[in-house]
Amino acid sequence: MLILSVVAFRDGGIRNALHSRRISGHVHPELGLGIVVPGGITLYSLTVAMFIFNGLTGLAISALNVYTTDRSELPHGYDPRTTAIFALVGGIVLLLMAMAFIWFRLPTTLGLYPHGIERVVRSRKLRRNNATVQFVHWNDIEGIAGTDIVTRSGYGDVRTPMIHVHTPGRIPPEARIPHDEEHTLAIVCTWLIAEPNTLLTLIRRMSARPNDRTLLAREDAAELLRPPPLRERFRMARHQEASL
């Protein structure tokens, strides 16, 4: 129920209620000091957590049924050992599925530096770790657009916020993710721990105001991604709906 509650809040738009301390300064060997935004809680990670929790629950149920000695208080026809076998097999299967999900995960980090944006997508193929790095200089950005990926399901449309960074430079096919285009770098906001609107506002500000880019090299630069309070966000959402 806790996991389902988190999913419901995220689908409702409340993905990042507070400013995460994981957003911190980072010294890049070539780009210097900037901000690194790590990956956040996604539906993928919530699924892994659910598999692990249910798998451990199955193992616990199996152990309790094996060591149940007083059968007089159990319901009629209840066989502890049969239940233990089913719970053990189910728990092992769920834990193996969680390990498979973790093994083939796609963690993403986003770096904001005075010179530009760096997106790093890491993946694992068999026993090798791959990292796809794509860098876009601020001066090479032609446009920045906030959009959504709409996924249709039986329960309604699911919208995933995304930021499109348009550049005249060509993104090589080997450096693209499925959401990229030849001249568009896609930043999937649900893969990151930053609040989407705050991240979009900061990227637009750095692109439009060259003099503000030095702020990314300050020690307290992570505060630039501090989202407004929830009350303010609700007020802005109501104002936007009233203007439509």
C-alpha atoms as a PDB file:
ATOM      1  CA  MET A   1       0.000   0.000   0.000  1.00  0.00           C
ATOM      2  CA  LEU A   2       2.896   2.363   0.687  1.00  0.00           C
ATOM      3  CA  ILE A   3       4.364   1.720  -2.763  1.00  0.00           C
ATOM      4  CA  LEU A   4       0.978   2.203  -4.421  1.00  0.00           C
ATOM      5  CA  SER A   5       0.555   5.461  -2.504  1.00  0.00           C
ATOM      6  CA  VAL A   6       3.903   6.737  -3.790  1.00  0.00           C
ATOM      7  CA  VAL A   7       2.911   5.789  -7.347  1.00  0.00           C
ATOM      8  CA  ALA A   8      -0.443   7.569  -6.954  1.00  0.00           C
ATOM      9  CA  PHE A   9       1.208  10.775  -5.707  1.00  0.00           C
ATOM     10  CA  ARG A  10       3.734  10.675  -8.556  1.00  0.00           C
ATOM     11  CA  ASP A  11       0.979  10.190 -11.140  1.00  0.00           C
ATOM     12  CA  GLY A  12      -0.778  13.176  -9.576  1.00  0.00           C
ATOM     13  CA  GLY A  13       2.285  15.357 -10.218  1.00  0.00           C
ATOM     14  CA  ILE A  14       3.841  15.371  -6.720  1.00  0.00           C
ATOM     15  CA  ARG A  15       7.115  13.640  -7.525  1.00  0.00           C
ATOM     16  CA  ASN A  16       9.538  15.719  -5.497  1.00  0.00           C
ATOM     17  CA  ALA A  17       8.032  17.250  -2.388  1.00  0.00           C
ATOM     18  CA  LEU A  18      11.313  18.431  -0.866  1.00  0.00           C
ATOM     19  CA  HIS A  19      14.777  19.408  -1.997  1.00  0.00           C
ATOM     20  CA  SER A  20      17.032  16.349  -2.028  1.00  0.00           C
ATOM     21  CA  ARG A  21      20.448  16.494  -0.421  1.00  0.00           C
ATOM     22  CA  ARG A  22      21.681  14.090  -3.073  1.00  0.00           C
ATOM     23  CA  ILE A  23      21.806  17.039  -5.482  1.00  0.00           C
ATOM     24  CA  SER A  24      25.275  18.336  -4.817  1.00  0.00           C
ATOM     25  CA  GLY A  25      28.297  19.993  -6.327  1.00  0.00           C
ATOM     26  CA  HIS A  26      30.718  17.973  -8.401  1.00  0.00           C
ATOM     27  CA  VAL A  27      34.162  18.682  -9.851  1.00  0.00           C
ATOM     28  CA  HIS A  28      34.367  17.405 -13.414  1.00  0.00           C
ATOM     29  CA  PRO A  29      37.926  16.748 -14.662  1.00  0.00           C
ATOM     30  CA  GLU A  30      37.260  18.755 -17.846  1.00  0.00           C
ATOM     31  CA  LEU A  31      34.189  20.927 -17.174  1.00  0.00           C
ATOM     32  CA  GLY A  32      35.088  22.074 -13.681  1.00  0.00           C
ATOM     33  CA  LEU A  33      32.684  22.635 -10.797  1.00  0.00           C
ATOM     34  CA  GLY A  34      28.970  22.207 -11.368  1.00  0.00           C
ATOM     35  CA  ILE A  35      25.789  20.484 -10.177  1.00  0.00           C
ATOM     36  CA  VAL A  36      25.085  16.783 -10.546  1.00  0.00           C
ATOM     37  CA  VAL A  37      21.499  15.562 -10.381  1.00  0.00           C
ATOM     38  CA  PRO A  38      21.390  11.803  -9.690  1.00  0.00           C
ATOM     39  CA  GLY A  39      18.620   9.385 -10.507  1.00  0.00           C
ATOM     40  CA  GLY A  40      15.484   9.420  -8.396  1.00  0.00           C
ATOM     41  CA  ILE A  41      12.684   7.078  -7.406  1.00  0.00           C
ATOM     42  CA  THR A  42      11.061   5.672 -10.526  1.00  0.00           C
ATOM     43  CA  LEU A  43       8.333   3.148 -11.149  1.00  0.00           C
ATOM     44  CA  TYR A  44      11.167   0.781 -12.039  1.00  0.00           C
ATOM     45  CA  SER A  45      12.798   1.121  -8.603  1.00  0.00           C
ATOM     46  CA  LEU A  46       9.414   0.874  -6.860  1.00  0.00           C
ATOM     47  CA  THR A  47       8.772  -2.401  -8.696  1.00  0.00           C
ATOM     48  CA  VAL A  48      12.143  -3.726  -7.527  1.00  0.00           C
ATOM     49  CA  ALA A  49      11.300  -2.727  -3.948  1.00  0.00           C
ATOM     50  CA  MET A  50       7.948  -4.501  -4.204  1.00  0.00           C
ATOM     51  CA  PHE A  51       9.620  -7.680  -5.512  1.00  0.00           C
ATOM     52  CA  ILE A  52      12.188  -7.640  -2.705  1.00  0.00           C
ATOM     53  CA  PHE A  53       9.592  -7.013   0.006  1.00  0.00           C
ATOM     54  CA  ASN A  54       7.220  -9.719  -1.247  1.00  0.00           C
ATOM     55  CA  GLY A  55      10.095 -12.144  -1.777  1.00  0.00           C
ATOM     56  CA  LEU A  56      11.360 -11.696   1.773  1.00  0.00           C
ATOM     57  CA  THR A  57       7.769 -12.016   3.027  1.00  0.00           C
ATOM     58  CA  GLY A  58       7.451 -15.328   1.203  1.00  0.00           C
ATOM     59  CA  LEU A  59      10.651 -16.622   2.789  1.00  0.00           C
ATOM     60  CA  ALA A  60       9.437 -15.508   6.223  1.00  0.00           C
ATOM     61  CA  ILE A  61       6.082 -17.247   5.746  1.00  0.00           C
ATOM     62  CA  SER A  62       7.895 -20.388   4.623  1.00  0.00           C
ATOM     63  CA  ALA A  63      10.109 -20.387   7.715  1.00  0.00           C
ATOM     64  CA  LEU A  64       7.159 -19.823  10.058  1.00  0.00           C
ATOM     65  CA  ASN A  65       5.169 -22.673   8.512  1.00  0.00           C
ATOM     66  CA  VAL A  66       8.077 -25.096   8.689  1.00  0.00           C
ATOM     67  CA  TYR A  67       8.544 -24.470  12.395  1.00  0.00           C
ATOM     68  CA  THR A  68       4.825 -24.513  13.263  1.00  0.00           C
ATOM     69  CA  THR A  69       4.383 -27.379  15.687  1.00  0.00           C
ATOM     70  CA  ASP A  70       0.991 -26.719  17.262  1.00  0.00           C
ATOM     71  CA  ARG A  71      -1.489 -27.673  14.501  1.00  0.00           C
ATOM     72  CA  SER A  72      -4.516 -27.810  16.792  1.00  0.00           C
ATOM     73  CA  GLU A  73      -5.059 -24.054  16.451  1.00  0.00           C
ATOM     74  CA  LEU A  74      -4.739 -24.046  12.661  1.00  0.00           C
ATOM     75  CA  PRO A  75      -7.790 -24.071  10.323  1.00  0.00           C
ATOM     76  CA  HIS A  76      -9.109 -27.457   9.238  1.00  0.00           C
ATOM     77  CA  GLY A  77      -7.149 -28.930   6.312  1.00  0.00           C
ATOM     78  CA  TYR A  78      -4.280 -26.467   6.692  1.00  0.00           C
ATOM     79  CA  ASP A  79      -0.927 -28.054   5.808  1.00  0.00           C
ATOM     80  CA  PRO A  80       2.011 -25.951   7.009  1.00  0.00           C
ATOM     81  CA  ARG A  81       4.606 -27.762   4.895  1.00  0.00           C
ATOM     82  CA  THR A  82       2.672 -27.384   1.632  1.00  0.00           C
ATOM     83  CA  THR A  83       2.196 -23.692   2.304  1.00  0.00           C
ATOM     84  CA  ALA A  84       5.877 -23.393   3.180  1.00  0.00           C
ATOM     85  CA  ILE A  85       6.896 -24.888  -0.168  1.00  0.00           C
ATOM     86  CA  PHE A  86       4.669 -22.529  -2.162  1.00  0.00           C
ATOM     87  CA  ALA A  87       5.838 -19.518  -0.154  1.00  0.00           C
ATOM     88  CA  LEU A  88       9.494 -20.547  -0.520  1.00  0.00           C
ATOM     89  CA  VAL A  89       9.256 -20.984  -4.294  1.00  0.00           C
ATOM     90  CA  GLY A  90       7.337 -17.724  -4.709  1.00  0.00           C
ATOM     91  CA  GLY A  91       9.807 -15.809  -2.537  1.00  0.00           C
ATOM     92  CA  ILE A  92      12.819 -17.138  -4.452  1.00  0.00           C
ATOM     93  CA  VAL A  93      11.219 -16.312  -7.818  1.00  0.00           C
ATOM     94  CA  LEU A  94      10.447 -12.732  -6.743  1.00  0.00           C
ATOM     95  CA  LEU A  95      13.968 -12.193  -5.408  1.00  0.00           C
ATOM     96  CA  LEU A  96      15.441 -13.509  -8.666  1.00  0.00           C
ATOM     97  CA  MET A  97      13.205 -11.115 -10.616  1.00  0.00           C
ATOM     98  CA  ALA A  98      14.383  -8.228  -8.417  1.00  0.00           C
ATOM     99  CA  MET A  99      18.026  -9.184  -9.071  1.00  0.00           C
ATOM    100  CA  ALA A 100      17.353  -9.268 -12.827  1.00  0.00           C
ATOM    101  CA  PHE A 101      15.739  -5.804 -12.704  1.00  0.00           C
ATOM    102  CA  ILE A 102      18.691  -4.414 -10.733  1.00  0.00           C
ATOM    103  CA  TRP A 103      21.231  -6.014 -13.071  1.00  0.00           C
ATOM    104  CA  PHE A 104      19.748  -4.423 -16.207  1.00  0.00           C
ATOM    105  CA  ARG A 105      18.921  -1.034 -14.663  1.00  0.00           C
ATOM    106  CA  LEU A 106      19.466   2.261 -16.514  1.00  0.00           C
ATOM    107  CA  PRO A 107      20.614   4.852 -13.961  1.00  0.00           C
ATOM    108  CA  THR A 108      20.923   8.391 -15.313  1.00  0.00           C
ATOM    109  CA  THR A 109      22.732  11.474 -14.031  1.00  0.00           C
ATOM    110  CA  LEU A 110      22.527  15.034 -15.305  1.00  0.00           C
ATOM    111  CA  GLY A 111      25.350  17.522 -14.895  1.00  0.00           C
ATOM    112  CA  LEU A 112      24.848  21.299 -15.134  1.00  0.00           C
ATOM    113  CA  TYR A 113      28.126  23.166 -15.599  1.00  0.00           C
ATOM    114  CA  PRO A 114      29.024  26.736 -16.582  1.00  0.00           C
ATOM    115  CA  HIS A 115      29.918  25.422 -20.048  1.00  0.00           C
ATOM    116  CA  GLY A 116      26.840  23.276 -20.704  1.00  0.00           C
ATOM    117  CA  ILE A 117      24.746  20.197 -19.945  1.00  0.00           C
ATOM    118  CA  GLU A 118      26.122  16.691 -19.625  1.00  0.00           C
ATOM    119  CA  ARG A 119      23.797  13.683 -19.594  1.00  0.00           C
ATOM    120  CA  VAL A 120      25.192  10.290 -18.590  1.00  0.00           C
ATOM    121  CA  VAL A 121      23.109   7.153 -19.080  1.00  0.00           C
ATOM    122  CA  ARG A 122      24.624   3.998 -17.617  1.00  0.00           C
ATOM    123  CA  SER A 123      23.561   0.500 -18.542  1.00  0.00           C
ATOM    124  CA  ARG A 124      24.742  -3.048 -18.057  1.00  0.00           C
ATOM    125  CA  LYS A 125      24.989  -5.537 -20.881  1.00  0.00           C
ATOM    126  CA  LEU A 126      25.846  -8.991 -19.629  1.00  0.00           C
ATOM    127  CA  ARG A 127      29.030  -8.403 -17.595  1.00  0.00           C
ATOM    128  CA  ARG A 128      29.974  -5.028 -19.043  1.00  0.00           C
ATOM    129  CA  ASN A 129      29.079  -1.593 -17.748  1.00  0.00           C
ATOM    130  CA  ASN A 130      28.374   0.939 -20.474  1.00  0.00           C
ATOM    131  CA  ALA A 131      28.096   4.702 -20.079  1.00  0.00           C
ATOM    132  CA  THR A 132      26.616   6.908 -22.798  1.00  0.00           C
ATOM    133  CA  VAL A 133      27.762  10.510 -22.378  1.00  0.00           C
ATOM    134  CA  GLN A 134      26.279  13.421 -24.307  1.00  0.00           C
ATOM    135  CA  PHE A 135      27.332  17.052 -23.816  1.00  0.00           C
ATOM    136  CA  VAL A 136      25.618  20.179 -25.161  1.00  0.00           C
ATOM    137  CA  HIS A 137      27.189  23.627 -24.778  1.00  0.00           C
ATOM    138  CA  TRP A 138      24.887  26.425 -23.638  1.00  0.00           C
ATOM    139  CA  ASN A 139      25.696  28.451 -26.759  1.00  0.00           C
ATOM    140  CA  ASP A 140      24.690  25.525 -28.985  1.00  0.00           C
ATOM    141  CA  ILE A 141      21.139  25.362 -27.637  1.00  0.00           C
ATOM    142  CA  GLU A 142      18.523  26.639 -30.090  1.00  0.00           C
ATOM    143  CA  GLY A 143      15.465  25.925 -27.976  1.00  0.00           C
ATOM    144  CA  ILE A 144      14.241  24.298 -24.775  1.00  0.00           C
ATOM    145  CA  ALA A 145      10.760  22.804 -24.516  1.00  0.00           C
ATOM    146  CA  GLY A 146       8.918  21.143 -21.675  1.00  0.00           C
ATOM    147  CA  THR A 147       6.733  18.307 -22.871  1.00  0.00           C
ATOM    148  CA  ASP A 148       5.170  15.007 -21.806  1.00  0.00           C
ATOM    149  CA  ILE A 149       5.353  11.409 -22.914  1.00  0.00           C
ATOM    150  CA  VAL A 150       1.780  10.136 -22.998  1.00  0.00           C
ATOM    151  CA  THR A 151       1.426   6.404 -22.392  1.00  0.00           C
ATOM    152  CA  ARG A 152      -2.069   5.039 -22.877  1.00  0.00           C
ATOM    153  CA  SER A 153      -3.258   2.294 -20.568  1.00  0.00           C
ATOM    154  CA  GLY A 154      -6.533   0.779 -19.433  1.00  0.00           C
ATOM    155  CA  TYR A 155      -6.581   3.071 -16.401  1.00  0.00           C
ATOM    156  CA  GLY A 156      -6.103   6.282 -18.387  1.00  0.00           C
ATOM    157  CA  ASP A 157      -3.232   8.238 -19.892  1.00  0.00           C
ATOM    158  CA  VAL A 158       0.041   8.352 -17.939  1.00  0.00           C
ATOM    159  CA  ARG A 159       2.095  11.501 -18.538  1.00  0.00           C
ATOM    160  CA  THR A 160       5.847  11.498 -18.053  1.00  0.00           C
ATOM    161  CA  PRO A 161       7.425  14.991 -17.947  1.00  0.00           C
ATOM    162  CA  MET A 162      10.375  15.524 -20.268  1.00  0.00           C
ATOM    163  CA  ILE A 163      12.670  18.348 -21.340  1.00  0.00           C
ATOM    164  CA  HIS A 164      13.722  18.607 -24.981  1.00  0.00           C
ATOM    165  CA  VAL A 165      16.966  20.477 -25.660  1.00  0.00           C
ATOM    166  CA  HIS A 166      17.213  21.390 -29.358  1.00  0.00           C
ATOM    167  CA  THR A 167      20.675  21.842 -30.816  1.00  0.00           C
ATOM    168  CA  PRO A 168      22.026  22.284 -34.356  1.00  0.00           C
ATOM    169  CA  GLY A 169      24.654  19.662 -33.650  1.00  0.00           C
ATOM    170  CA  ARG A 170      23.916  16.075 -34.567  1.00  0.00           C
ATOM    171  CA  ILE A 171      23.616  13.536 -31.749  1.00  0.00           C
ATOM    172  CA  PRO A 172      25.342  10.299 -32.834  1.00  0.00           C
ATOM    173  CA  PRO A 173      23.046   7.250 -32.949  1.00  0.00           C
ATOM    174  CA  GLU A 174      25.251   5.374 -30.469  1.00  0.00           C
ATOM    175  CA  ALA A 175      24.837   8.205 -27.933  1.00  0.00           C
ATOM    176  CA  ARG A 176      21.060   8.411 -28.143  1.00  0.00           C
ATOM    177  CA  ILE A 177      18.391   7.013 -25.894  1.00  0.00           C
ATOM    178  CA  PRO A 178      14.993   5.989 -27.333  1.00  0.00           C
ATOM    179  CA  HIS A 179      13.559   9.473 -26.580  1.00  0.00           C
ATOM    180  CA  ASP A 180      16.320  11.380 -28.417  1.00  0.00           C
ATOM    181  CA  GLU A 181      16.203  12.666 -31.952  1.00  0.00           C
ATOM    182  CA  GLU A 182      18.956  13.635 -34.344  1.00  0.00           C
ATOM    183  CA  HIS A 183      19.077  17.224 -33.081  1.00  0.00           C
ATOM    184  CA  THR A 184      17.186  16.856 -29.794  1.00  0.00           C
ATOM    185  CA  LEU A 185      18.570  15.804 -26.427  1.00  0.00           C
ATOM    186  CA  ALA A 186      15.819  14.368 -24.228  1.00  0.00           C
ATOM    187  CA  ILE A 187      15.943  14.681 -20.438  1.00  0.00           C
ATOM    188  CA  VAL A 188      13.418  12.319 -18.835  1.00  0.00           C
ATOM    189  CA  CYS A 189      12.524  14.098 -15.602  1.00  0.00           C
ATOM    190  CA  THR A 190      11.187  11.002 -13.847  1.00  0.00           C
ATOM    191  CA  TRP A 191      14.644   9.471 -14.093  1.00  0.00           C
ATOM    192  CA  LEU A 192      16.083  12.308 -11.988  1.00  0.00           C
ATOM    193  CA  ILE A 193      15.562  13.394  -8.414  1.00  0.00           C
ATOM    194  CA  ALA A 194      15.092  17.100  -9.227  1.00  0.00           C
ATOM    195  CA  GLU A 195      11.641  18.684  -9.410  1.00  0.00           C
ATOM    196  CA  PRO A 196      10.798  18.878 -13.162  1.00  0.00           C
ATOM    197  CA  ASN A 197       9.537  22.471 -13.328  1.00  0.00           C
ATOM    198  CA  THR A 198      12.447  23.772 -11.267  1.00  0.00           C
ATOM    199  CA  LEU A 199      14.928  21.922 -13.477  1.00  0.00           C
ATOM    200  CA  LEU A 200      13.285  23.288 -16.642  1.00  0.00           C
ATOM    201  CA  THR A 201      13.362  26.838 -15.274  1.00  0.00           C
ATOM    202  CA  LEU A 202      17.054  26.593 -14.359  1.00  0.00           C
ATOM    203  CA  ILE A 203      18.057  25.192 -17.756  1.00  0.00           C
ATOM    204  CA  ARG A 204      16.162  27.977 -19.537  1.00  0.00           C
ATOM    205  CA  ARG A 205      17.754  30.574 -17.287  1.00  0.00           C
ATOM    206  CA  MET A 206      21.296  29.336 -17.929  1.00  0.00           C
ATOM    207  CA  SER A 207      20.653  29.222 -21.666  1.00  0.00           C
ATOM    208  CA  ALA A 208      19.172  32.733 -21.854  1.00  0.00           C
ATOM    209  CA  ARG A 209      21.477  34.486 -19.345  1.00  0.00           C
ATOM    210  CA  PRO A 210      25.177  33.785 -19.947  1.00  0.00           C
ATOM    211  CA  ASN A 211      26.185  35.930 -16.977  1.00  0.00           C
ATOM    212  CA  ASP A 212      24.286  33.622 -14.581  1.00  0.00           C
ATOM    213  CA  ARG A 213      26.166  30.485 -15.624  1.00  0.00           C
ATOM    214  CA  THR A 214      28.943  31.172 -13.135  1.00  0.00           C
ATOM    215  CA  LEU A 215      26.388  30.506 -10.381  1.00  0.00           C
ATOM    216  CA  LEU A 216      26.652  26.801 -11.222  1.00  0.00           C
ATOM    217  CA  ALA A 217      30.276  26.821 -10.007  1.00  0.00           C
ATOM    218  CA  ARG A 218      29.423  28.080  -6.515  1.00  0.00           C
ATOM    219  CA  GLU A 219      29.540  25.787  -3.500  1.00  0.00           C
ATOM    220  CA  ASP A 220      25.850  26.363  -2.803  1.00  0.00           C
ATOM    221  CA  ALA A 221      24.833  25.900  -6.447  1.00  0.00           C
ATOM    222  CA  ALA A 222      22.586  22.982  -5.511  1.00  0.00           C
ATOM    223  CA  GLU A 223      20.201  25.516  -3.951  1.00  0.00           C
ATOM    224  CA  LEU A 224      19.353  26.670  -7.472  1.00  0.00           C
ATOM    225  CA  LEU A 225      17.316  23.469  -7.805  1.00  0.00           C
ATOM    226  CA  ARG A 226      15.368  23.938  -4.591  1.00  0.00           C
ATOM    227  CA  PRO A 227      11.684  23.742  -5.583  1.00  0.00           C
ATOM    228  CA  PRO A 228       9.077  26.144  -4.208  1.00  0.00           C
ATOM    229  CA  PRO A 229       6.933  24.953  -1.262  1.00  0.00           C
ATOM    230  CA  LEU A 230       4.042  22.626  -2.036  1.00  0.00           C
ATOM    231  CA  ARG A 231       1.531  25.356  -1.123  1.00  0.00           C
ATOM    232  CA  GLU A 232       3.043  27.640  -3.732  1.00  0.00           C
ATOM    233  CA  ARG A 233       2.998  24.864  -6.330  1.00  0.00           C
ATOM    234  CA  PHE A 234      -0.678  24.148  -5.649  1.00  0.00           C
ATOM    235  CA  ARG A 235      -1.462  27.875  -5.951  1.00  0.00           C
ATOM    236  CA  MET A 236       0.375  28.086  -9.286  1.00  0.00           C
ATOM    237  CA  ALA A 237      -1.458  24.995 -10.568  1.00  0.00           C
ATOM    238  CA  ARG A 238      -4.844  26.482  -9.638  1.00  0.00           C
ATOM    239  CA  HIS A 239      -3.916  29.758 -11.312  1.00  0.00           C
ATOM    240  CA  GLN A 240      -2.855  27.917 -14.466  1.00  0.00           C
ATOM    241  CA  GLU A 241      -6.117  25.946 -14.599  1.00  0.00           C
ATOM    242  CA  ALA A 242      -8.145  29.121 -14.149  1.00  0.00           C
ATOM    243  CA  SER A 243      -6.341  30.795 -17.048  1.00  0.00           C
ATOM    244  CA  LEU A 244      -6.985  27.921 -19.465  1.00  0.00           C
END
